[in-house]
Protein backbone atom coordinates (compact mmCIF):
# COMPACT_ATOMS: atom_id res chain seq x y z
CA MET A 1 108.21 120.33 73.28
CA PRO A 2 110.65 123.29 73.54
CA ARG A 3 112.68 123.14 76.73
CA ASP A 4 111.98 126.83 77.45
CA LYS A 5 108.24 126.07 77.59
CA ARG A 6 107.37 124.71 81.03
CA ILE A 7 104.29 122.56 81.45
CA ARG A 8 101.59 124.35 83.43
CA ILE A 9 100.08 122.08 86.09
CA PHE A 10 96.95 122.86 88.08
CA TYR A 11 97.71 120.65 91.10
CA LEU A 12 94.45 119.92 92.94
CA SER A 13 94.76 117.46 95.82
CA TYR A 14 94.47 116.89 99.54
CA HIS A 15 98.23 116.16 99.40
CA PRO A 16 99.96 119.47 98.52
CA PRO A 17 103.63 119.30 97.43
CA VAL A 18 105.53 120.45 100.52
CA PRO A 19 109.04 119.66 101.85
CA SER A 20 107.98 117.27 104.59
CA TRP A 21 107.96 113.47 104.07
CA GLY A 22 106.29 110.80 101.97
CA THR A 23 103.95 111.66 99.10
CA ALA A 24 104.06 115.41 99.76
CA MET A 25 107.86 115.43 99.61
CA SER A 26 107.99 113.18 96.57
CA PHE A 27 105.89 115.52 94.44
CA TYR A 28 107.70 118.57 95.84
CA ARG A 29 110.84 117.03 94.34
CA HIS A 30 109.10 116.56 90.99
CA PHE A 31 107.23 119.84 90.64
CA VAL A 32 109.18 122.34 92.73
CA ASP A 33 112.81 121.27 93.06
CA ARG A 34 113.09 120.89 89.28
CA ASN A 35 112.34 123.54 86.70
CA ASP A 36 110.23 121.53 84.24
CA PHE A 37 106.81 122.63 85.52
CA GLU A 38 104.94 125.74 86.51
CA ILE A 39 102.34 124.88 89.13
CA PHE A 40 99.36 126.36 90.89
CA VAL A 41 98.23 124.37 93.93
CA ALA A 42 94.62 124.14 95.12
CA THR A 43 94.14 122.09 98.28
CA ASP A 44 91.91 121.63 101.30
CA SER A 45 94.95 120.80 103.47
CA ALA A 46 96.26 123.27 106.04
CA GLU A 47 99.73 121.79 105.52
CA VAL A 48 100.40 124.10 102.58
CA GLU A 49 100.23 127.10 104.93
CA GLN A 50 102.87 125.67 107.28
CA TYR A 51 105.69 126.08 104.76
CA ASN A 52 107.10 129.01 102.82
CA VAL A 53 106.29 127.39 99.48
CA PRO A 54 107.61 129.06 96.29
CA TYR A 55 104.42 128.66 94.25
CA PRO A 56 100.96 130.28 94.25
CA PHE A 57 98.27 128.32 96.07
CA LEU A 58 94.64 128.41 97.09
CA ARG A 59 93.37 126.72 100.20
CA PHE A 60 89.67 125.94 100.02
CA ALA A 61 87.28 124.08 102.30
CA VAL A 62 84.07 122.10 102.26
CA PRO A 63 80.91 124.09 103.07
CA LYS A 64 80.79 125.26 106.70
CA TRP A 65 77.65 123.23 107.48
CA LEU A 66 79.33 120.06 106.26
CA ASN A 67 82.46 120.77 108.26
CA ARG A 68 80.34 121.25 111.39
CA MET A 69 78.47 118.00 110.83
CA GLN A 70 81.75 116.12 110.48
CA HIS A 71 82.51 117.03 114.09
CA THR A 72 79.34 115.37 115.42
CA ARG A 73 78.61 111.74 116.25
CA PHE A 74 77.31 111.36 112.69
CA TYR A 75 80.71 112.26 111.25
CA ARG A 76 81.21 108.96 109.40
CA TRP A 77 77.99 109.46 107.48
CA PHE A 78 78.76 113.05 106.53
CA TRP A 79 82.36 112.19 105.78
CA HIS A 80 81.07 109.63 103.27
CA TYR A 81 78.72 112.24 101.80
CA ASN A 82 81.74 114.48 101.34
CA GLN A 83 83.82 111.76 99.66
CA SER A 84 80.96 110.61 97.42
CA ILE A 85 79.05 113.77 96.54
CA ALA A 86 80.97 116.96 97.33
CA GLY A 87 83.55 116.40 94.57
CA TYR A 88 80.86 116.92 91.93
CA PHE A 89 80.47 120.58 92.97
CA VAL A 90 83.45 122.76 92.10
CA PRO A 91 83.90 125.63 94.60
CA HIS A 92 83.70 128.99 92.86
CA GLN A 93 87.16 130.10 93.99
CA VAL A 94 88.72 126.88 92.68
CA TRP A 95 87.10 127.31 89.28
CA GLN A 96 88.17 130.95 89.08
CA ALA A 97 91.77 130.02 89.95
CA ALA A 98 91.84 127.22 87.37
CA GLN A 99 90.47 129.45 84.61
CA ALA A 100 92.94 132.23 85.41
CA PHE A 101 95.92 129.84 85.48
CA ARG A 102 95.08 128.21 82.11
CA PRO A 103 96.90 124.92 82.75
CA ASP A 104 98.10 122.34 80.26
CA LEU A 105 97.16 119.53 82.68
CA VAL A 106 95.23 118.98 85.90
CA PHE A 107 97.04 116.75 88.40
CA THR A 108 95.69 115.00 91.50
CA ILE A 109 96.50 112.27 94.03
CA ALA A 110 93.85 109.58 93.57
CA GLY A 111 94.92 107.06 96.19
CA SER A 112 94.07 106.83 98.94
CA TRP A 113 90.61 107.99 97.83
CA ASN A 114 89.61 111.57 98.54
CA TRP A 115 86.90 113.87 97.26
CA THR A 116 89.48 116.24 95.76
CA ALA A 117 90.29 113.63 93.07
CA ARG A 118 86.77 113.86 91.67
CA LEU A 119 86.94 117.63 92.01
CA ALA A 120 90.12 117.62 89.90
CA GLN A 121 88.34 115.47 87.33
CA ARG A 122 85.46 117.97 87.07
CA VAL A 123 87.87 120.89 86.66
CA ALA A 124 89.86 119.08 83.95
CA ARG A 125 86.74 118.21 81.97
CA ARG A 126 85.33 121.73 82.20
CA LEU A 127 88.69 123.19 81.10
CA ARG A 128 88.98 120.50 78.41
CA VAL A 129 92.54 119.61 79.41
CA PRO A 130 93.93 116.15 80.30
CA LEU A 131 93.61 114.71 83.80
CA VAL A 132 96.72 113.15 85.36
CA ALA A 133 96.46 111.16 88.60
CA SER A 134 98.94 109.39 90.86
CA PHE A 135 97.82 106.26 92.69
CA ASN A 136 100.16 106.26 95.68
CA ASP A 137 98.08 104.18 98.08
CA TRP A 138 95.16 101.78 97.97
CA PHE A 139 91.77 103.45 98.27
CA ASP A 140 91.26 102.77 102.01
CA PHE A 141 94.65 103.72 103.47
CA GLY A 142 93.93 106.10 106.33
CA VAL A 143 90.25 106.32 105.44
CA LEU A 144 87.92 106.36 108.47
CA MET A 145 84.86 105.05 106.66
CA HIS A 146 81.69 103.40 107.84
CA SER A 147 81.78 99.72 106.84
CA SER A 148 78.53 100.19 104.89
CA PHE A 149 80.32 102.55 102.48
CA ARG A 150 83.42 100.52 101.77
CA GLY A 151 82.12 98.99 98.56
CA SER A 152 80.92 102.27 97.08
CA LEU A 153 84.26 104.00 97.79
CA GLU A 154 86.24 101.19 96.21
CA ARG A 155 84.03 101.35 93.13
CA ALA A 156 84.58 105.12 92.91
CA PHE A 157 88.35 104.56 93.21
CA ARG A 158 88.39 101.87 90.53
CA ARG A 159 86.12 103.83 88.15
CA PHE A 160 88.31 106.91 88.49
CA TYR A 161 91.40 105.03 87.26
CA PRO A 162 90.27 104.37 83.64
CA ASP A 163 88.86 107.90 83.41
CA CYS A 164 92.34 109.41 83.81
CA ASP A 165 94.14 110.47 80.65
CA LEU A 166 97.42 109.52 82.33
CA ALA A 167 97.73 107.34 85.44
CA PHE A 168 100.88 106.87 87.51
CA CYS A 169 101.01 103.79 89.75
CA THR A 170 103.47 103.78 92.64
CA SER A 171 104.51 100.15 92.12
CA GLU A 172 104.14 97.21 89.75
CA GLU A 173 101.74 95.70 92.28
CA MET A 174 99.52 98.80 92.17
CA LEU A 175 99.43 98.68 88.38
CA GLU A 176 98.51 95.00 88.48
CA ALA A 177 95.81 95.51 91.12
CA LEU A 178 94.15 98.37 89.20
CA GLY A 179 94.23 96.51 85.89
CA PRO A 180 94.60 97.48 82.23
CA HIS A 181 94.72 101.14 81.21
CA PRO A 182 95.68 102.67 77.83
CA ASN A 183 98.11 105.13 79.43
CA ALA A 184 99.21 103.88 82.86
CA HIS A 185 102.84 103.72 84.00
CA VAL A 186 104.78 102.74 87.10
CA LEU A 187 106.18 105.85 88.78
CA TYR A 188 108.12 105.01 91.92
CA PRO A 189 108.29 107.67 94.63
CA ILE A 190 111.25 109.95 94.10
CA GLY A 191 113.73 109.91 96.97
CA THR A 192 116.42 112.38 97.86
CA SER A 193 119.55 112.53 95.74
CA MET A 194 122.76 110.89 96.86
CA GLY A 195 124.63 113.65 95.01
CA ASP A 196 128.10 114.36 96.31
CA ASN A 197 127.36 112.95 99.76
CA GLN A 198 128.85 109.54 99.04
CA ARG A 199 131.33 108.45 101.68
CA ASP A 200 133.16 105.31 102.59
CA PHE A 201 130.93 103.20 104.77
CA VAL A 202 132.35 102.32 108.18
CA PRO A 203 130.48 99.35 109.70
CA PHE A 204 129.25 99.39 113.26
CA ILE A 205 131.52 97.62 115.75
CA SER A 206 130.22 97.49 119.30
CA ASN A 207 133.23 98.36 121.43
CA GLY A 208 130.86 98.42 124.38
CA ARG A 209 128.28 100.82 122.95
CA PRO A 210 124.76 99.85 121.78
CA ALA A 211 123.81 99.92 118.10
CA THR A 212 121.36 102.72 117.28
CA VAL A 213 118.26 101.79 115.26
CA PHE A 214 116.73 104.72 113.35
CA PHE A 215 113.13 105.05 112.16
CA ALA A 216 111.43 108.07 110.60
CA GLY A 217 107.88 108.05 109.25
CA SER A 218 104.26 107.43 110.14
CA LEU A 219 103.41 106.57 113.75
CA SER A 220 99.75 106.05 112.92
CA PHE A 221 97.66 103.01 111.93
CA TRP A 222 99.50 99.72 112.53
CA TYR A 223 102.97 101.31 112.57
CA GLY A 224 102.63 102.81 116.06
CA PRO A 225 101.81 99.48 117.78
CA MET A 226 104.52 97.70 115.77
CA LEU A 227 107.16 100.15 116.95
CA GLU A 228 105.89 99.93 120.53
CA ARG A 229 106.15 96.13 120.52
CA LEU A 230 109.60 96.28 119.01
CA VAL A 231 111.00 98.76 121.52
CA LEU A 232 109.49 96.85 124.44
CA ALA A 233 111.00 93.61 123.10
CA SER A 234 114.44 95.24 123.13
CA SER A 235 114.59 95.79 126.89
CA ASP A 236 117.38 93.23 127.33
CA SER A 237 119.01 93.94 123.97
CA PRO A 238 122.16 95.94 123.14
CA LEU A 239 120.09 98.15 120.85
CA ARG A 240 118.73 101.62 121.32
CA PHE A 241 116.02 103.21 119.20
CA LYS A 242 115.59 106.71 117.82
CA ILE A 243 112.10 107.28 116.40
CA PHE A 244 111.01 110.38 114.49
CA GLY A 245 107.53 111.31 113.30
CA SER A 246 104.43 113.34 114.05
CA HIS A 247 102.75 112.55 117.36
CA ILE A 248 99.38 113.95 116.23
CA HIS A 249 98.03 110.64 114.97
CA ALA A 250 100.36 108.27 116.83
CA THR A 251 98.55 105.03 117.66
CA TRP A 252 100.87 103.59 120.27
CA SER A 253 99.70 103.56 123.90
CA ARG A 254 99.76 106.64 126.11
CA SER A 255 102.01 104.90 128.63
CA PHE A 256 104.51 104.04 125.91
CA ASP A 257 104.43 107.59 124.57
CA THR A 258 105.36 108.92 128.01
CA ALA A 259 108.11 106.35 128.52
CA ALA A 260 109.54 106.77 125.00
CA ARG A 261 109.81 110.53 125.41
CA ALA A 262 111.45 110.23 128.82
CA ALA A 263 113.99 107.70 127.53
CA GLY A 264 114.84 109.72 124.43
CA VAL A 265 113.49 106.99 122.16
CA TYR A 266 110.84 109.22 120.59
CA ARG A 267 112.40 112.41 119.21
CA GLY A 268 109.36 114.09 117.66
CA GLN A 269 109.02 115.54 114.17
CA VAL A 270 112.00 117.35 112.66
CA SER A 271 112.93 118.74 109.24
CA PHE A 272 114.26 116.46 106.53
CA ASP A 273 117.74 117.98 106.80
CA GLN A 274 117.75 117.18 110.52
CA LEU A 275 116.58 113.64 109.78
CA LYS A 276 119.53 113.12 107.46
CA ALA A 277 121.91 114.25 110.19
CA HIS A 278 120.31 111.90 112.74
CA ALA A 279 120.48 109.04 110.24
CA GLN A 280 124.22 109.55 109.90
CA ASP A 281 124.55 109.07 113.66
CA ALA A 282 122.57 105.81 113.51
CA ASP A 283 123.86 102.32 112.80
CA LEU A 284 120.78 100.58 111.36
CA LEU A 285 117.72 101.91 109.48
CA LEU A 286 114.35 100.27 110.17
CA LEU A 287 111.46 99.99 107.72
CA PRO A 288 108.29 98.34 109.17
CA MET A 289 105.42 97.11 106.98
CA GLY A 290 102.11 95.89 108.42
CA PHE A 291 101.17 92.20 108.77
CA GLY A 292 97.42 92.27 109.40
CA ASP A 293 94.74 91.22 106.94
CA GLU A 294 93.30 94.73 107.11
CA CYS A 295 96.47 96.20 105.60
CA ALA A 296 97.61 93.39 103.31
CA GLN A 297 96.45 95.05 100.06
CA ILE A 298 97.77 98.41 101.20
CA GLU A 299 101.26 97.07 101.94
CA ARG A 300 101.25 94.94 98.80
CA THR A 301 100.57 97.90 96.50
CA SER A 302 102.34 100.80 98.26
CA PHE A 303 105.97 101.82 97.91
CA LYS A 304 107.49 103.78 100.77
CA THR A 305 109.35 106.98 99.93
CA LYS A 306 111.40 106.47 103.07
CA PHE A 307 112.89 103.29 101.60
CA LEU A 308 114.37 105.30 98.72
CA ASP A 309 115.57 108.02 101.07
CA TYR A 310 117.15 105.35 103.25
CA LEU A 311 119.20 104.17 100.25
CA THR A 312 121.01 107.50 100.17
CA PHE A 313 121.78 107.48 103.90
CA GLN A 314 124.27 104.64 103.25
CA LYS A 315 123.53 102.64 106.36
CA PRO A 316 122.31 99.01 106.61
CA ILE A 317 118.53 98.71 106.19
CA VAL A 318 116.36 96.15 107.98
CA ILE A 319 112.79 95.60 106.73
CA TRP A 320 110.24 94.12 109.12
CA GLY A 321 107.25 93.12 107.03
CA PRO A 322 105.43 90.27 105.26
CA GLU A 323 106.96 88.46 102.31
CA TYR A 324 104.33 89.86 99.91
CA CYS A 325 104.89 93.56 100.65
CA SER A 326 106.49 95.72 97.97
CA ALA A 327 109.51 96.66 100.10
CA VAL A 328 110.50 93.05 100.74
CA ARG A 329 109.98 92.11 97.10
CA ILE A 330 112.32 94.79 95.76
CA ALA A 331 114.85 94.33 98.58
CA ARG A 332 115.05 90.61 97.79
CA GLU A 333 115.75 91.41 94.13
CA PHE A 334 118.85 93.43 95.00
CA ASP A 335 119.63 91.97 98.45
CA ALA A 336 119.57 95.61 99.50
CA ALA A 337 118.09 95.09 102.98
CA GLU A 338 117.91 92.39 105.62
CA CYS A 339 114.30 91.16 105.66
CA TYR A 340 112.50 89.68 108.66
CA THR A 341 109.07 88.46 107.56
CA SER A 342 107.38 87.26 110.76
CA PRO A 343 105.21 89.48 113.01
CA ASP A 344 107.15 88.32 116.08
CA ALA A 345 108.90 91.39 117.57
CA ALA A 346 111.51 89.33 119.41
CA GLY A 347 112.57 87.77 116.12
CA CYS A 348 112.96 91.21 114.56
CA ILE A 349 115.18 92.25 117.48
CA ALA A 350 117.32 89.16 116.86
CA THR A 351 117.61 90.10 113.18
CA LEU A 352 118.70 93.64 114.04
CA GLU A 353 121.28 92.26 116.47
CA ASN A 354 122.61 89.81 113.89
CA VAL A 355 123.20 92.58 111.39
CA ALA A 356 124.81 94.76 114.06
CA HIS A 357 127.20 91.92 114.94
CA SER A 358 128.32 91.31 111.34
CA SER A 359 130.46 94.02 109.78
CA GLU A 360 130.67 92.01 106.55
CA ARG A 361 126.89 91.81 106.21
CA GLN A 362 126.62 95.52 106.90
CA LYS A 363 129.08 96.34 104.11
CA GLN A 364 127.30 93.99 101.73
CA LEU A 365 123.89 95.54 102.42
CA VAL A 366 125.17 99.09 101.93
CA ALA A 367 126.92 98.17 98.67
CA ASN A 368 123.81 96.41 97.35
CA ALA A 369 121.59 99.33 98.36
CA HIS A 370 123.90 101.66 96.43
CA HIS A 371 123.56 99.41 93.37
CA MET A 372 119.77 99.38 93.77
CA TYR A 373 119.75 103.19 93.89
CA GLN A 374 121.92 103.58 90.79
CA ASN A 375 120.20 100.83 88.81
CA ARG A 376 116.55 101.77 89.31
CA PHE A 377 115.87 104.53 91.85
CA GLU A 378 118.21 107.40 91.02
CA PRO A 379 115.89 110.46 91.20
CA SER A 380 116.55 111.87 87.73
CA ARG A 381 115.69 108.46 86.24
CA ILE A 382 112.31 108.46 88.02
CA HIS A 383 111.60 112.10 87.23
CA ALA A 384 112.27 111.44 83.54
CA VAL A 385 109.29 109.04 83.47
CA LEU A 386 106.90 111.67 84.81
CA LEU A 387 108.26 114.43 82.60
CA SER A 388 108.29 112.45 79.36
CA GLU A 389 104.75 111.10 79.83
CA CYS A 390 103.39 114.56 80.67
CA GLU A 391 105.13 116.02 77.62
CA LYS A 392 103.63 113.34 75.36
CA LEU A 393 100.17 114.05 76.74
CA VAL A 394 100.50 117.81 76.22
CA ARG A 395 101.75 117.32 72.65
CA ARG A 396 98.79 115.09 71.83
CA GLN A 397 96.40 117.59 73.38
CA ARG A 398 97.84 120.47 71.36
CA ARG A 399 97.55 118.50 68.12
């Protein structure tokens, strides 16, 4: 494909590519920061309007009656109706935008499951162009479903996978869990670039000051209570925590929220550039992964973008999560992070302290993390997978 011919992507998803964190940031780096694609974004998320994005977009919504019903006590039932049925009906403004844009491909985020994935499928089939989907999370991550509907949503998620012309799985474990597919590939999240920011690592040495433990990411689901237990377990420890993330869906207790703000432990949500600056002032980087049965498949198949961003911050990383989770598996391969694999918060505090007390271990972890970045997770290496597979698909379609 000529390099002066950019691939036109109609990006239809509840996760718009915006410069924030996680999945949204990862695809912003693919589709916006690089010049290989021309995109039009259609989304039902208000997040796209919070940024000065450099691409055309359309924000659409479910019918007003359905939105009203989702704010009643029957919301779980109508939410399921939306996830199961609404995606079959393409809003007129979405179809008009897709026709006018004339894309080469339609792209969507298929995991966790959302009605916009099926909507993207309908648009792709009506336009007669290939459908590309990224499976970033298991179907039920963050999904507030009625237990009666769990089976039907998982079946929809699994049926959607083989219907994609090109499927990107966020980890080897996701690919294995979803099963065989004629055109599925592992596409790790794309982290920030280390670029020219490499510097000699200076290990933490106490000299009477506490080691600072940095965390940035989701405060919802099981992560909020995990962080609360960890901070409370550190009351007699020479550690101090700096936690960044959105408070909107934080699941830690109200009393902890008040205390964490007052103590300067919780610092709110800041831009990614500010996060990088705060990370440089920290001594240890924390990555928690859930232990409960309810999140086992989610943590086994996911791959956290923050882990790859952490690699470029060039500070020692400590993972607190079960042995089977994707982060521990890959960290073990490179010895790129200290792993504590028990749910006991006091034990995690001891692990953090042990790393803080060993300058040699700190240097080893940072060097191994740098090797992990260069060997497998350098952003241009990951982007090349997405670009080459999309180019192959477009060439086949044109033939």
